[in-house]
């Protein structure tokens, strides 16, 4: 991980990643997320701004599952999680 990212942000991203892993397990989604629709998982992106600074109307990814309920995460945050080493 880059040393330019403050530790508290790294910790927050790791916590979000862990929450997503736990939700994925409850939803029954495959490890590689192949065909999540087979587990009745749906996704929707809401909002207008591609930002994660806590401003109004940021884009959010909303995952829904009959087994796991709803999972909401900021789209920019999800990209940050995906690109971390």
PDB file of N, CA and C in Angstrom:
ATOM      1  N   UNK A   1       0.825  -1.170   0.000  1.00  0.00           N
ATOM      2  CA  UNK A   1       0.000   0.000   0.000  1.00  0.00           C
ATOM      3  C   UNK A   1       0.874   1.239   0.000  1.00  0.00           C
ATOM      4  N   UNK A   2       0.359   2.252  -0.617  1.00  0.00           N
ATOM      5  CA  UNK A   2       1.132   3.482  -0.746  1.00  0.00           C
ATOM      6  C   UNK A   2       1.291   4.172   0.598  1.00  0.00           C
ATOM      7  N   UNK A   3       2.495   4.661   0.838  1.00  0.00           N
ATOM      8  CA  UNK A   3       2.750   5.368   2.085  1.00  0.00           C
ATOM      9  C   UNK A   3       2.129   6.751   2.078  1.00  0.00           C
ATOM     10  N   UNK A   4       1.634   7.216   0.931  1.00  0.00           N
ATOM     11  CA  UNK A   4       1.010   8.530   0.868  1.00  0.00           C
ATOM     12  C   UNK A   4      -0.437   8.504   1.351  1.00  0.00           C
ATOM     13  N   UNK A   5      -0.991   7.337   1.529  1.00  0.00           N
ATOM     14  CA  UNK A   5      -2.364   7.213   2.026  1.00  0.00           C
ATOM     15  C   UNK A   5      -2.300   7.090   3.545  1.00  0.00           C
ATOM     16  N   UNK A   6      -3.002   7.964   4.252  1.00  0.00           N
ATOM     17  CA  UNK A   6      -2.973   7.894   5.719  1.00  0.00           C
ATOM     18  C   UNK A   6      -3.480   6.542   6.241  1.00  0.00           C
ATOM     19  N   UNK A   7      -2.918   6.112   7.345  1.00  0.00           N
ATOM     20  CA  UNK A   7      -3.287   4.819   7.935  1.00  0.00           C
ATOM     21  C   UNK A   7      -4.779   4.707   8.209  1.00  0.00           C
ATOM     22  N   UNK A   8      -5.405   5.793   8.655  1.00  0.00           N
ATOM     23  CA  UNK A   8      -6.834   5.723   8.989  1.00  0.00           C
ATOM     24  C   UNK A   8      -7.681   5.462   7.746  1.00  0.00           C
ATOM     25  N   UNK A   9      -7.224   5.938   6.583  1.00  0.00           N
ATOM     26  CA  UNK A   9      -7.957   5.665   5.346  1.00  0.00           C
ATOM     27  C   UNK A   9      -7.772   4.204   4.946  1.00  0.00           C
ATOM     28  N   UNK A  10      -6.549   3.701   5.059  1.00  0.00           N
ATOM     29  CA  UNK A  10      -6.288   2.281   4.763  1.00  0.00           C
ATOM     30  C   UNK A  10      -7.152   1.400   5.654  1.00  0.00           C
ATOM     31  N   UNK A  11      -7.225   1.725   6.930  1.00  0.00           N
ATOM     32  CA  UNK A  11      -8.044   0.961   7.874  1.00  0.00           C
ATOM     33  C   UNK A  11      -9.514   1.004   7.471  1.00  0.00           C
ATOM     34  N   UNK A  12      -9.997   2.164   7.101  1.00  0.00           N
ATOM     35  CA  UNK A  12     -11.385   2.310   6.681  1.00  0.00           C
ATOM     36  C   UNK A  12     -11.686   1.484   5.437  1.00  0.00           C
ATOM     37  N   UNK A  13     -10.776   1.511   4.453  1.00  0.00           N
ATOM     38  CA  UNK A  13     -10.967   0.723   3.233  1.00  0.00           C
ATOM     39  C   UNK A  13     -10.942  -0.772   3.530  1.00  0.00           C
ATOM     40  N   UNK A  14     -10.057  -1.196   4.406  1.00  0.00           N
ATOM     41  CA  UNK A  14     -10.017  -2.615   4.797  1.00  0.00           C
ATOM     42  C   UNK A  14     -11.314  -3.022   5.495  1.00  0.00           C
ATOM     43  N   UNK A  15     -11.854  -2.145   6.320  1.00  0.00           N
ATOM     44  CA  UNK A  15     -13.129  -2.439   6.991  1.00  0.00           C
ATOM     45  C   UNK A  15     -14.265  -2.559   5.984  1.00  0.00           C
ATOM     46  N   UNK A  16     -14.288  -1.656   5.001  1.00  0.00           N
ATOM     47  CA  UNK A  16     -15.313  -1.738   3.953  1.00  0.00           C
ATOM     48  C   UNK A  16     -15.171  -3.026   3.148  1.00  0.00           C
ATOM     49  N   UNK A  17     -13.934  -3.410   2.855  1.00  0.00           N
ATOM     50  CA  UNK A  17     -13.697  -4.654   2.118  1.00  0.00           C
ATOM     51  C   UNK A  17     -14.191  -5.857   2.928  1.00  0.00           C
ATOM     52  N   UNK A  18     -13.945  -5.855   4.219  1.00  0.00           N
ATOM     53  CA  UNK A  18     -14.400  -6.945   5.073  1.00  0.00           C
ATOM     54  C   UNK A  18     -15.930  -7.006   5.124  1.00  0.00           C
ATOM     55  N   UNK A  19     -16.573  -5.844   5.202  1.00  0.00           N
ATOM     56  CA  UNK A  19     -18.044  -5.804   5.191  1.00  0.00           C
ATOM     57  C   UNK A  19     -18.583  -6.400   3.900  1.00  0.00           C
ATOM     58  N   UNK A  20     -17.933  -6.074   2.770  1.00  0.00           N
ATOM     59  CA  UNK A  20     -18.367  -6.609   1.482  1.00  0.00           C
ATOM     60  C   UNK A  20     -18.177  -8.123   1.430  1.00  0.00           C
ATOM     61  N   UNK A  21     -17.061  -8.618   1.933  1.00  0.00           N
ATOM     62  CA  UNK A  21     -16.823 -10.069   1.967  1.00  0.00           C
ATOM     63  C   UNK A  21     -17.885 -10.775   2.801  1.00  0.00           C
ATOM     64  N   UNK A  22     -18.232 -10.213   3.931  1.00  0.00           N
ATOM     65  CA  UNK A  22     -19.255 -10.811   4.796  1.00  0.00           C
ATOM     66  C   UNK A  22     -20.616 -10.805   4.107  1.00  0.00           C
ATOM     67  N   UNK A  23     -20.940  -9.705   3.437  1.00  0.00           N
ATOM     68  CA  UNK A  23     -22.209  -9.634   2.717  1.00  0.00           C
ATOM     69  C   UNK A  23     -22.231 -10.664   1.601  1.00  0.00           C
ATOM     70  N   UNK A  24     -21.116 -10.774   0.855  1.00  0.00           N
ATOM     71  CA  UNK A  24     -21.009 -11.737  -0.252  1.00  0.00           C
ATOM     72  C   UNK A  24     -21.256 -13.161   0.237  1.00  0.00           C
ATOM     73  N   UNK A  25     -20.688 -13.496   1.374  1.00  0.00           N
ATOM     74  CA  UNK A  25     -20.869 -14.847   1.928  1.00  0.00           C
ATOM     75  C   UNK A  25     -22.338 -15.089   2.277  1.00  0.00           C
ATOM     76  N   UNK A  26     -22.986 -14.122   2.891  1.00  0.00           N
ATOM     77  CA  UNK A  26     -24.413 -14.270   3.230  1.00  0.00           C
ATOM     78  C   UNK A  26     -25.280 -14.394   1.983  1.00  0.00           C
ATOM     79  N   UNK A  27     -24.888 -13.662   0.932  1.00  0.00           N
ATOM     80  CA  UNK A  27     -25.661 -13.688  -0.309  1.00  0.00           C
ATOM     81  C   UNK A  27     -25.429 -14.970  -1.104  1.00  0.00           C
ATOM     82  N   UNK A  28     -24.353 -15.692  -0.799  1.00  0.00           N
ATOM     83  CA  UNK A  28     -24.051 -16.929  -1.515  1.00  0.00           C
ATOM     84  C   UNK A  28     -23.398 -16.702  -2.864  1.00  0.00           C
ATOM     85  N   UNK A  29     -22.763 -15.545  -3.029  1.00  0.00           N
ATOM     86  CA  UNK A  29     -22.105 -15.216  -4.293  1.00  0.00           C
ATOM     87  C   UNK A  29     -20.777 -15.976  -4.384  1.00  0.00           C
ATOM     88  N   UNK A  30     -20.459 -16.430  -5.594  1.00  0.00           N
ATOM     89  CA  UNK A  30     -19.193 -17.143  -5.809  1.00  0.00           C
ATOM     90  C   UNK A  30     -18.000 -16.247  -5.486  1.00  0.00           C
ATOM     91  N   UNK A  31     -16.876 -16.869  -5.185  1.00  0.00           N
ATOM     92  CA  UNK A  31     -15.661 -16.136  -4.823  1.00  0.00           C
ATOM     93  C   UNK A  31     -15.246 -15.141  -5.913  1.00  0.00           C
ATOM     94  N   UNK A  32     -15.430 -15.517  -7.184  1.00  0.00           N
ATOM     95  CA  UNK A  32     -15.040 -14.642  -8.296  1.00  0.00           C
ATOM     96  C   UNK A  32     -16.204 -13.767  -8.798  1.00  0.00           C
ATOM     97  N   UNK A  33     -17.294 -13.772  -8.090  1.00  0.00           N
ATOM     98  CA  UNK A  33     -18.489 -12.979  -8.419  1.00  0.00           C
ATOM     99  C   UNK A  33     -19.061 -13.352  -9.790  1.00  0.00           C
ATOM    100  N   UNK A  34     -18.849 -14.570 -10.258  1.00  0.00           N
ATOM    101  CA  UNK A  34     -19.387 -15.015 -11.544  1.00  0.00           C
ATOM    102  C   UNK A  34     -20.889 -15.244 -11.422  1.00  0.00           C
ATOM    103  N   UNK A  35     -21.650 -14.580 -12.264  1.00  0.00           N
ATOM    104  CA  UNK A  35     -23.103 -14.715 -12.364  1.00  0.00           C
ATOM    105  C   UNK A  35     -23.828 -14.557 -11.017  1.00  0.00           C
ATOM    106  N   UNK A  36     -23.651 -13.427 -10.346  1.00  0.00           N
ATOM    107  CA  UNK A  36     -24.345 -13.235  -9.068  1.00  0.00           C
ATOM    108  C   UNK A  36     -25.864 -13.205  -9.217  1.00  0.00           C
ATOM    109  N   UNK A  37     -26.344 -12.964 -10.436  1.00  0.00           N
ATOM    110  CA  UNK A  37     -27.792 -12.975 -10.641  1.00  0.00           C
ATOM    111  C   UNK A  37     -28.396 -14.352 -10.361  1.00  0.00           C
ATOM    112  N   UNK A  38     -27.581 -15.406 -10.448  1.00  0.00           N
ATOM    113  CA  UNK A  38     -28.088 -16.749 -10.137  1.00  0.00           C
ATOM    114  C   UNK A  38     -28.429 -16.891  -8.654  1.00  0.00           C
ATOM    115  N   UNK A  39     -27.912 -15.987  -7.817  1.00  0.00           N
ATOM    116  CA  UNK A  39     -28.258 -15.962  -6.400  1.00  0.00           C
ATOM    117  C   UNK A  39     -29.244 -14.813  -6.117  1.00  0.00           C
ATOM    118  N   UNK A  40     -29.896 -14.330  -7.173  1.00  0.00           N
ATOM    119  CA  UNK A  40     -30.867 -13.235  -7.102  1.00  0.00           C
ATOM    120  C   UNK A  40     -30.249 -11.937  -6.563  1.00  0.00           C
ATOM    121  N   UNK A  41     -28.969 -11.731  -6.821  1.00  0.00           N
ATOM    122  CA  UNK A  41     -28.305 -10.492  -6.425  1.00  0.00           C
ATOM    123  C   UNK A  41     -28.504  -9.469  -7.540  1.00  0.00           C
ATOM    124  N   UNK A  42     -28.922  -8.276  -7.157  1.00  0.00           N
ATOM    125  CA  UNK A  42     -29.071  -7.182  -8.100  1.00  0.00           C
ATOM    126  C   UNK A  42     -28.172  -6.025  -7.673  1.00  0.00           C
ATOM    127  N   UNK A  43     -27.872  -5.142  -8.625  1.00  0.00           N
ATOM    128  CA  UNK A  43     -27.024  -3.985  -8.350  1.00  0.00           C
ATOM    129  C   UNK A  43     -27.624  -2.744  -9.002  1.00  0.00           C
ATOM    130  N   UNK A  44     -27.442  -1.633  -8.330  1.00  0.00           N
ATOM    131  CA  UNK A  44     -27.917  -0.351  -8.833  1.00  0.00           C
ATOM    132  C   UNK A  44     -26.917   0.715  -8.407  1.00  0.00           C
ATOM    133  N   UNK A  45     -26.643   1.658  -9.294  1.00  0.00           N
ATOM    134  CA  UNK A  45     -25.790   2.797  -8.939  1.00  0.00           C
ATOM    135  C   UNK A  45     -26.683   4.026  -8.861  1.00  0.00           C
ATOM    136  N   UNK A  46     -26.616   4.707  -7.728  1.00  0.00           N
ATOM    137  CA  UNK A  46     -27.405   5.914  -7.521  1.00  0.00           C
ATOM    138  C   UNK A  46     -26.464   7.106  -7.352  1.00  0.00           C
ATOM    139  N   UNK A  47     -26.998   8.292  -7.447  1.00  0.00           N
ATOM    140  CA  UNK A  47     -26.211   9.498  -7.207  1.00  0.00           C
ATOM    141  C   UNK A  47     -25.657  10.095  -8.479  1.00  0.00           C
ATOM    142  N   UNK A  48     -25.025  11.236  -8.331  1.00  0.00           N
ATOM    143  CA  UNK A  48     -24.550  12.001  -9.477  1.00  0.00           C
ATOM    144  C   UNK A  48     -23.031  12.159  -9.519  1.00  0.00           C
ATOM    145  N   UNK A  49     -22.393  12.330  -8.361  1.00  0.00           N
ATOM    146  CA  UNK A  49     -20.982  12.704  -8.336  1.00  0.00           C
ATOM    147  C   UNK A  49     -20.084  11.522  -7.986  1.00  0.00           C
ATOM    148  N   UNK A  50     -19.062  11.324  -8.817  1.00  0.00           N
ATOM    149  CA  UNK A  50     -18.082  10.258  -8.605  1.00  0.00           C
ATOM    150  C   UNK A  50     -17.021  10.790  -7.651  1.00  0.00           C
ATOM    151  N   UNK A  51     -17.317  10.713  -6.358  1.00  0.00           N
ATOM    152  CA  UNK A  51     -16.483  11.314  -5.324  1.00  0.00           C
ATOM    153  C   UNK A  51     -16.710  10.527  -4.038  1.00  0.00           C
ATOM    154  N   UNK A  52     -15.748  10.556  -3.140  1.00  0.00           N
ATOM    155  CA  UNK A  52     -15.936   9.906  -1.840  1.00  0.00           C
ATOM    156  C   UNK A  52     -15.484  10.815  -0.696  1.00  0.00           C
ATOM    157  N   UNK A  53     -15.785  12.086  -0.856  1.00  0.00           N
ATOM    158  CA  UNK A  53     -15.405  13.068   0.160  1.00  0.00           C
ATOM    159  C   UNK A  53     -16.529  13.342   1.158  1.00  0.00           C
ATOM    160  N   UNK A  54     -17.627  12.622   1.038  1.00  0.00           N
ATOM    161  CA  UNK A  54     -18.738  12.810   1.965  1.00  0.00           C
ATOM    162  C   UNK A  54     -19.673  13.940   1.581  1.00  0.00           C
ATOM    163  N   UNK A  55     -19.668  14.297   0.302  1.00  0.00           N
ATOM    164  CA  UNK A  55     -20.547  15.359  -0.151  1.00  0.00           C
ATOM    165  C   UNK A  55     -21.893  14.792  -0.587  1.00  0.00           C
ATOM    166  N   UNK A  56     -22.832  15.693  -0.767  1.00  0.00           N
ATOM    167  CA  UNK A  56     -24.197  15.308  -1.136  1.00  0.00           C
ATOM    168  C   UNK A  56     -24.238  14.700  -2.538  1.00  0.00           C
ATOM    169  N   UNK A  57     -25.049  13.674  -2.698  1.00  0.00           N
ATOM    170  CA  UNK A  57     -25.368  13.054  -3.987  1.00  0.00           C
ATOM    171  C   UNK A  57     -24.185  12.334  -4.637  1.00  0.00           C
ATOM    172  N   UNK A  58     -23.316  11.743  -3.820  1.00  0.00           N
ATOM    173  CA  UNK A  58     -22.228  10.925  -4.368  1.00  0.00           C
ATOM    174  C   UNK A  58     -22.799   9.624  -4.914  1.00  0.00           C
ATOM    175  N   UNK A  59     -22.100   9.042  -5.885  1.00  0.00           N
ATOM    176  CA  UNK A  59     -22.556   7.785  -6.463  1.00  0.00           C
ATOM    177  C   UNK A  59     -22.351   6.646  -5.464  1.00  0.00           C
ATOM    178  N   UNK A  60     -23.398   5.862  -5.296  1.00  0.00           N
ATOM    179  CA  UNK A  60     -23.375   4.712  -4.408  1.00  0.00           C
ATOM    180  C   UNK A  60     -23.748   3.466  -5.193  1.00  0.00           C
ATOM    181  N   UNK A  61     -23.101   2.362  -4.876  1.00  0.00           N
ATOM    182  CA  UNK A  61     -23.479   1.061  -5.412  1.00  0.00           C
ATOM    183  C   UNK A  61     -24.353   0.403  -4.357  1.00  0.00           C
ATOM    184  N   UNK A  62     -25.522  -0.044  -4.785  1.00  0.00           N
ATOM    185  CA  UNK A  62     -26.449  -0.707  -3.878  1.00  0.00           C
ATOM    186  C   UNK A  62     -26.638  -2.133  -4.383  1.00  0.00           C
ATOM    187  N   UNK A  63     -26.167  -3.095  -3.601  1.00  0.00           N
ATOM    188  CA  UNK A  63     -26.346  -4.514  -3.909  1.00  0.00           C
ATOM    189  C   UNK A  63     -27.493  -5.025  -3.067  1.00  0.00           C
ATOM    190  N   UNK A  64     -28.357  -5.836  -3.663  1.00  0.00           N
ATOM    191  CA  UNK A  64     -29.497  -6.388  -2.932  1.00  0.00           C
ATOM    192  C   UNK A  64     -29.559  -7.892  -3.122  1.00  0.00           C
ATOM    193  N   UNK A  65     -29.925  -8.575  -2.044  1.00  0.00           N
ATOM    194  CA  UNK A  65     -30.028 -10.030  -2.055  1.00  0.00           C
ATOM    195  C   UNK A  65     -31.136 -10.451  -1.110  1.00  0.00           C
ATOM    196  N   UNK A  66     -31.941 -11.435  -1.502  1.00  0.00           N
ATOM    197  CA  UNK A  66     -32.967 -11.922  -0.571  1.00  0.00           C
ATOM    198  C   UNK A  66     -32.359 -12.575   0.675  1.00  0.00           C
ATOM    199  N   UNK A  67     -31.137 -13.098   0.554  1.00  0.00           N
ATOM    200  CA  UNK A  67     -30.489 -13.762   1.691  1.00  0.00           C
ATOM    201  C   UNK A  67     -29.685 -12.811   2.567  1.00  0.00           C
ATOM    202  N   UNK A  68     -29.140 -11.750   1.978  1.00  0.00           N
ATOM    203  CA  UNK A  68     -28.219 -10.870   2.706  1.00  0.00           C
ATOM    204  C   UNK A  68     -28.739  -9.451   2.885  1.00  0.00           C
ATOM    205  N   UNK A  69     -29.875  -9.144   2.301  1.00  0.00           N
ATOM    206  CA  UNK A  69     -30.397  -7.789   2.403  1.00  0.00           C
ATOM    207  C   UNK A  69     -29.650  -6.843   1.478  1.00  0.00           C
ATOM    208  N   UNK A  70     -29.510  -5.596   1.916  1.00  0.00           N
ATOM    209  CA  UNK A  70     -28.906  -4.553   1.087  1.00  0.00           C
ATOM    210  C   UNK A  70     -27.500  -4.207   1.574  1.00  0.00           C
ATOM    211  N   UNK A  71     -26.618  -3.967   0.619  1.00  0.00           N
ATOM    212  CA  UNK A  71     -25.263  -3.512   0.919  1.00  0.00           C
ATOM    213  C   UNK A  71     -25.028  -2.255   0.120  1.00  0.00           C
ATOM    214  N   UNK A  72     -24.660  -1.164   0.794  1.00  0.00           N
ATOM    215  CA  UNK A  72     -24.399   0.116   0.136  1.00  0.00           C
ATOM    216  C   UNK A  72     -22.941   0.502   0.322  1.00  0.00           C
ATOM    217  N   UNK A  73     -22.314   0.939  -0.776  1.00  0.00           N
ATOM    218  CA  UNK A  73     -20.936   1.406  -0.694  1.00  0.00           C
ATOM    219  C   UNK A  73     -20.725   2.483  -1.759  1.00  0.00           C
ATOM    220  N   UNK A  74     -19.967   3.479  -1.401  1.00  0.00           N
ATOM    221  CA  UNK A  74     -19.638   4.555  -2.319  1.00  0.00           C
ATOM    222  C   UNK A  74     -18.842   3.981  -3.500  1.00  0.00           C
ATOM    223  N   UNK A  75     -19.177   4.405  -4.721  1.00  0.00           N
ATOM    224  CA  UNK A  75     -18.528   3.861  -5.917  1.00  0.00           C
ATOM    225  C   UNK A  75     -17.031   4.167  -5.942  1.00  0.00           C
ATOM    226  N   UNK A  76     -16.631   5.369  -5.586  1.00  0.00           N
ATOM    227  CA  UNK A  76     -15.199   5.705  -5.570  1.00  0.00           C
ATOM    228  C   UNK A  76     -14.467   4.880  -4.515  1.00  0.00           C
ATOM    229  N   UNK A  77     -15.121   4.636  -3.389  1.00  0.00           N
ATOM    230  CA  UNK A  77     -14.528   3.797  -2.349  1.00  0.00           C
ATOM    231  C   UNK A  77     -14.363   2.366  -2.847  1.00  0.00           C
ATOM    232  N   UNK A  78     -15.365   1.863  -3.566  1.00  0.00           N
ATOM    233  CA  UNK A  78     -15.264   0.509  -4.127  1.00  0.00           C
ATOM    234  C   UNK A  78     -14.095   0.414  -5.111  1.00  0.00           C
ATOM    235  N   UNK A  79     -13.887   1.449  -5.898  1.00  0.00           N
ATOM    236  CA  UNK A  79     -12.729   1.473  -6.820  1.00  0.00           C
ATOM    237  C   UNK A  79     -11.418   1.504  -6.040  1.00  0.00           C
ATOM    238  N   UNK A  80     -11.383   2.253  -4.954  1.00  0.00           N
ATOM    239  CA  UNK A  80     -10.172   2.313  -4.125  1.00  0.00           C
ATOM    240  C   UNK A  80      -9.857   0.948  -3.547  1.00  0.00           C
ATOM    241  N   UNK A  81     -10.880   0.241  -3.054  1.00  0.00           N
ATOM    242  CA  UNK A  81     -10.684  -1.103  -2.503  1.00  0.00           C
ATOM    243  C   UNK A  81     -10.139  -2.042  -3.580  1.00  0.00           C
ATOM    244  N   UNK A  82     -10.700  -1.961  -4.761  1.00  0.00           N
ATOM    245  CA  UNK A  82     -10.293  -2.852  -5.856  1.00  0.00           C
ATOM    246  C   UNK A  82      -8.864  -2.596  -6.320  1.00  0.00           C
ATOM    247  N   UNK A  83      -8.376  -1.377  -6.121  1.00  0.00           N
ATOM    248  CA  UNK A  83      -7.040  -1.042  -6.635  1.00  0.00           C
ATOM    249  C   UNK A  83      -5.946  -1.082  -5.580  1.00  0.00           C
ATOM    250  N   UNK A  84      -6.293  -1.361  -4.327  1.00  0.00           N
ATOM    251  CA  UNK A  84      -5.282  -1.463  -3.285  1.00  0.00           C
ATOM    252  C   UNK A  84      -4.466  -2.728  -3.437  1.00  0.00           C
ATOM    253  N   UNK A  85      -3.215  -2.674  -3.081  1.00  0.00           N
ATOM    254  CA  UNK A  85      -2.364  -3.868  -3.094  1.00  0.00           C
ATOM    255  C   UNK A  85      -2.652  -4.732  -1.887  1.00  0.00           C
TER     256      UNK A  85
END
